[in-house]
Structure formats: C-alpha cells, structure tokens
Amino acid sequence: MAQSIYLLSTLVEVLKSICEDGVHVAGAIAWSFVDNWEWGQYDDHFGVQAFNFTTLETYYKRSIFDFVDFFRGV
C-alpha cells in the first residue's frame, strides 16, 4: 500500500506540473519493475512486480494496477 501511495502522489505532482506550469513530460516509469539486488541485499521490496526466491516465479503487486489505473483515468 505504501508503494501505491508513493507512486500515485508522485504522478499527481507530475500531472500538476503539466497542467499548472506547462511542463512537457514525455513519460513516466516506476523506480523498479521487479524487486532487485539493491545495496547488496534483497530486503527492500519496491518493485511493482515481486520475485519469489523459492519458486523463481514473479507476480504483480497492487501498485502496478494502481499505476495503470492512474493513467487510464487521466
């Protein structure tokens, strides 16, 4: 949930800069698409897709759906 709040609040500020200040924005991307080896560890989970180290499967987190829904609603 915290990641969704972070992503959405960031996108709202980008949208405000476009509408209020006329800033040209070519696109937006999340910090990381999948949890990764950041700072020598896998403890931080900030990707929009998670990785299961036991089964080696990936799955989408709620934040990716919030990210997509934001752009559908703009």
N, C-alpha and C. Protein backbone atom coordinates (compact mmCIF):
# COMPACT_ATOMS: atom_id res chain seq x y z
N MET A 1 0.82 -1.20 0.00
CA MET A 1 0.00 0.00 0.00
C MET A 1 0.87 1.26 0.00
N ALA A 2 1.94 1.24 0.77
CA ALA A 2 2.81 2.42 0.83
C ALA A 2 3.40 2.74 -0.54
N GLN A 3 3.74 1.68 -1.28
CA GLN A 3 4.30 1.92 -2.61
C GLN A 3 3.27 2.56 -3.53
N SER A 4 2.02 2.12 -3.44
CA SER A 4 0.97 2.72 -4.26
C SER A 4 0.79 4.19 -3.93
N ILE A 5 0.82 4.52 -2.65
CA ILE A 5 0.68 5.91 -2.23
C ILE A 5 1.83 6.73 -2.78
N TYR A 6 3.03 6.20 -2.69
CA TYR A 6 4.21 6.90 -3.22
C TYR A 6 4.08 7.14 -4.73
N LEU A 7 3.75 6.08 -5.47
CA LEU A 7 3.63 6.21 -6.93
C LEU A 7 2.54 7.21 -7.32
N LEU A 8 1.38 7.07 -6.70
CA LEU A 8 0.26 7.93 -7.07
C LEU A 8 0.50 9.38 -6.69
N SER A 9 1.09 9.62 -5.53
CA SER A 9 1.35 11.01 -5.14
C SER A 9 2.40 11.63 -6.06
N THR A 10 3.36 10.85 -6.49
CA THR A 10 4.36 11.35 -7.44
C THR A 10 3.71 11.68 -8.78
N LEU A 11 2.85 10.81 -9.26
CA LEU A 11 2.18 11.05 -10.53
C LEU A 11 1.24 12.25 -10.47
N VAL A 12 0.60 12.46 -9.34
CA VAL A 12 -0.26 13.63 -9.17
C VAL A 12 0.57 14.91 -9.29
N GLU A 13 1.75 14.91 -8.69
CA GLU A 13 2.62 16.09 -8.78
C GLU A 13 3.12 16.32 -10.20
N VAL A 14 3.40 15.24 -10.92
CA VAL A 14 3.80 15.36 -12.33
C VAL A 14 2.65 15.94 -13.14
N LEU A 15 1.45 15.44 -12.90
CA LEU A 15 0.28 15.95 -13.61
C LEU A 15 0.04 17.42 -13.31
N LYS A 16 0.23 17.81 -12.06
CA LYS A 16 0.08 19.22 -11.69
C LYS A 16 1.11 20.09 -12.42
N SER A 17 2.34 19.60 -12.54
CA SER A 17 3.36 20.39 -13.24
C SER A 17 3.02 20.54 -14.72
N ILE A 18 2.37 19.54 -15.29
CA ILE A 18 1.95 19.63 -16.69
C ILE A 18 0.82 20.67 -16.82
N CYS A 19 -0.19 20.54 -15.99
CA CYS A 19 -1.38 21.39 -16.11
C CYS A 19 -1.14 22.81 -15.62
N GLU A 20 -0.43 22.97 -14.53
CA GLU A 20 -0.27 24.30 -13.93
C GLU A 20 0.93 25.06 -14.47
N ASP A 21 1.99 24.34 -14.81
CA ASP A 21 3.22 25.02 -15.22
C ASP A 21 3.59 24.81 -16.68
N GLY A 22 2.82 23.99 -17.38
CA GLY A 22 3.09 23.75 -18.79
C GLY A 22 4.34 22.93 -19.07
N VAL A 23 4.76 22.13 -18.11
CA VAL A 23 5.95 21.30 -18.28
C VAL A 23 5.64 20.17 -19.26
N HIS A 24 6.53 19.95 -20.20
CA HIS A 24 6.37 18.85 -21.17
C HIS A 24 6.93 17.57 -20.54
N VAL A 25 6.09 16.56 -20.40
CA VAL A 25 6.51 15.28 -19.84
C VAL A 25 6.32 14.22 -20.91
N ALA A 26 7.37 13.52 -21.25
CA ALA A 26 7.31 12.52 -22.31
C ALA A 26 6.81 11.17 -21.80
N GLY A 27 6.96 10.90 -20.51
CA GLY A 27 6.53 9.61 -19.98
C GLY A 27 6.82 9.49 -18.51
N ALA A 28 6.43 8.38 -17.95
CA ALA A 28 6.68 8.12 -16.53
C ALA A 28 6.98 6.64 -16.36
N ILE A 29 7.85 6.34 -15.44
CA ILE A 29 8.22 4.96 -15.19
C ILE A 29 8.41 4.77 -13.68
N ALA A 30 8.07 3.61 -13.21
CA ALA A 30 8.24 3.30 -11.78
C ALA A 30 9.74 3.11 -11.49
N TRP A 31 10.12 3.28 -10.26
CA TRP A 31 11.52 3.16 -9.86
C TRP A 31 12.11 1.82 -10.31
N SER A 32 11.41 0.76 -10.05
CA SER A 32 11.91 -0.57 -10.40
C SER A 32 10.74 -1.46 -10.73
N PHE A 33 10.85 -2.21 -11.80
CA PHE A 33 9.75 -3.08 -12.18
C PHE A 33 9.72 -4.37 -11.38
N VAL A 34 10.85 -4.77 -10.86
CA VAL A 34 10.88 -6.00 -10.07
C VAL A 34 11.83 -5.78 -8.90
N ASP A 35 11.53 -6.41 -7.79
CA ASP A 35 12.43 -6.33 -6.64
C ASP A 35 13.81 -6.78 -7.09
N ASN A 36 14.83 -6.06 -6.68
CA ASN A 36 16.15 -6.36 -7.20
C ASN A 36 17.22 -6.30 -6.11
N TRP A 37 18.42 -6.62 -6.51
CA TRP A 37 19.57 -6.61 -5.62
C TRP A 37 20.03 -5.16 -5.46
N GLU A 38 19.47 -4.50 -4.49
CA GLU A 38 19.77 -3.09 -4.27
C GLU A 38 20.57 -2.95 -2.99
N TRP A 39 21.66 -2.27 -3.05
CA TRP A 39 22.54 -2.06 -1.91
C TRP A 39 23.01 -3.39 -1.31
N GLY A 40 23.21 -4.39 -2.17
CA GLY A 40 23.76 -5.67 -1.73
C GLY A 40 22.80 -6.55 -0.95
N GLN A 41 21.52 -6.34 -1.12
CA GLN A 41 20.54 -7.16 -0.41
C GLN A 41 19.23 -7.20 -1.18
N TYR A 42 18.40 -8.17 -0.87
CA TYR A 42 17.07 -8.28 -1.45
C TYR A 42 15.99 -7.91 -0.44
N ASP A 43 16.35 -7.24 0.63
CA ASP A 43 15.40 -6.94 1.69
C ASP A 43 14.40 -5.86 1.33
N ASP A 44 14.77 -4.93 0.46
CA ASP A 44 13.86 -3.86 0.07
C ASP A 44 13.00 -4.32 -1.10
N HIS A 45 11.70 -4.18 -0.93
CA HIS A 45 10.76 -4.65 -1.96
C HIS A 45 9.99 -3.45 -2.51
N PHE A 46 10.59 -2.77 -3.47
CA PHE A 46 9.95 -1.59 -4.03
C PHE A 46 9.59 -1.74 -5.50
N GLY A 47 9.75 -2.88 -6.06
CA GLY A 47 9.36 -3.10 -7.45
C GLY A 47 7.85 -3.24 -7.56
N VAL A 48 7.32 -3.04 -8.76
CA VAL A 48 5.89 -3.23 -8.99
C VAL A 48 5.57 -4.70 -9.29
N GLN A 49 6.61 -5.48 -9.37
CA GLN A 49 6.49 -6.91 -9.57
C GLN A 49 7.40 -7.58 -8.54
N ALA A 50 6.92 -8.63 -7.92
CA ALA A 50 7.70 -9.30 -6.88
C ALA A 50 8.28 -10.61 -7.42
N PHE A 51 9.32 -11.06 -6.77
CA PHE A 51 10.01 -12.28 -7.17
C PHE A 51 10.04 -13.23 -5.98
N ASN A 52 9.58 -14.46 -6.21
CA ASN A 52 9.61 -15.48 -5.17
C ASN A 52 10.91 -16.27 -5.34
N PHE A 53 11.80 -16.15 -4.36
CA PHE A 53 13.12 -16.78 -4.47
C PHE A 53 13.07 -18.29 -4.32
N THR A 54 12.00 -18.82 -3.78
CA THR A 54 11.86 -20.27 -3.64
C THR A 54 11.38 -20.92 -4.93
N THR A 55 10.31 -20.35 -5.52
CA THR A 55 9.73 -20.94 -6.72
C THR A 55 10.25 -20.29 -8.01
N LEU A 56 10.96 -19.18 -7.87
CA LEU A 56 11.50 -18.41 -9.00
C LEU A 56 10.41 -17.82 -9.89
N GLU A 57 9.23 -17.61 -9.31
CA GLU A 57 8.12 -17.01 -10.05
C GLU A 57 8.04 -15.52 -9.74
N THR A 58 7.51 -14.79 -10.69
CA THR A 58 7.23 -13.37 -10.47
C THR A 58 5.73 -13.17 -10.44
N TYR A 59 5.31 -12.15 -9.73
CA TYR A 59 3.89 -11.81 -9.69
C TYR A 59 3.76 -10.31 -9.51
N TYR A 60 2.65 -9.78 -10.01
CA TYR A 60 2.41 -8.34 -9.92
C TYR A 60 1.91 -7.96 -8.54
N LYS A 61 2.35 -6.80 -8.09
CA LYS A 61 1.86 -6.25 -6.83
C LYS A 61 0.71 -5.29 -7.14
N ARG A 62 0.00 -4.92 -6.11
CA ARG A 62 -1.13 -4.00 -6.27
C ARG A 62 -0.68 -2.69 -6.93
N SER A 63 0.51 -2.25 -6.63
CA SER A 63 0.98 -0.95 -7.11
C SER A 63 0.99 -0.85 -8.64
N ILE A 64 1.24 -1.93 -9.35
CA ILE A 64 1.24 -1.86 -10.82
C ILE A 64 -0.17 -1.58 -11.34
N PHE A 65 -1.17 -2.16 -10.69
CA PHE A 65 -2.55 -1.93 -11.11
C PHE A 65 -2.97 -0.49 -10.79
N ASP A 66 -2.53 0.03 -9.65
CA ASP A 66 -2.80 1.43 -9.32
C ASP A 66 -2.11 2.36 -10.32
N PHE A 67 -0.90 2.02 -10.72
CA PHE A 67 -0.13 2.78 -11.70
C PHE A 67 -0.88 2.84 -13.03
N VAL A 68 -1.33 1.69 -13.51
CA VAL A 68 -2.06 1.61 -14.78
C VAL A 68 -3.40 2.34 -14.67
N ASP A 69 -4.11 2.13 -13.56
CA ASP A 69 -5.42 2.79 -13.38
C ASP A 69 -5.29 4.31 -13.36
N PHE A 70 -4.19 4.81 -12.82
CA PHE A 70 -3.97 6.25 -12.81
C PHE A 70 -3.95 6.78 -14.24
N PHE A 71 -3.22 6.12 -15.12
CA PHE A 71 -3.11 6.60 -16.49
C PHE A 71 -4.40 6.39 -17.28
N ARG A 72 -5.14 5.40 -16.94
CA ARG A 72 -6.45 5.21 -17.60
C ARG A 72 -7.43 6.32 -17.23
N GLY A 73 -7.27 6.83 -16.01
CA GLY A 73 -8.20 7.86 -15.53
C GLY A 73 -7.81 9.28 -15.90
N VAL A 74 -6.60 9.47 -16.45
CA VAL A 74 -6.16 10.83 -16.76
C VAL A 74 -6.77 11.33 -18.02
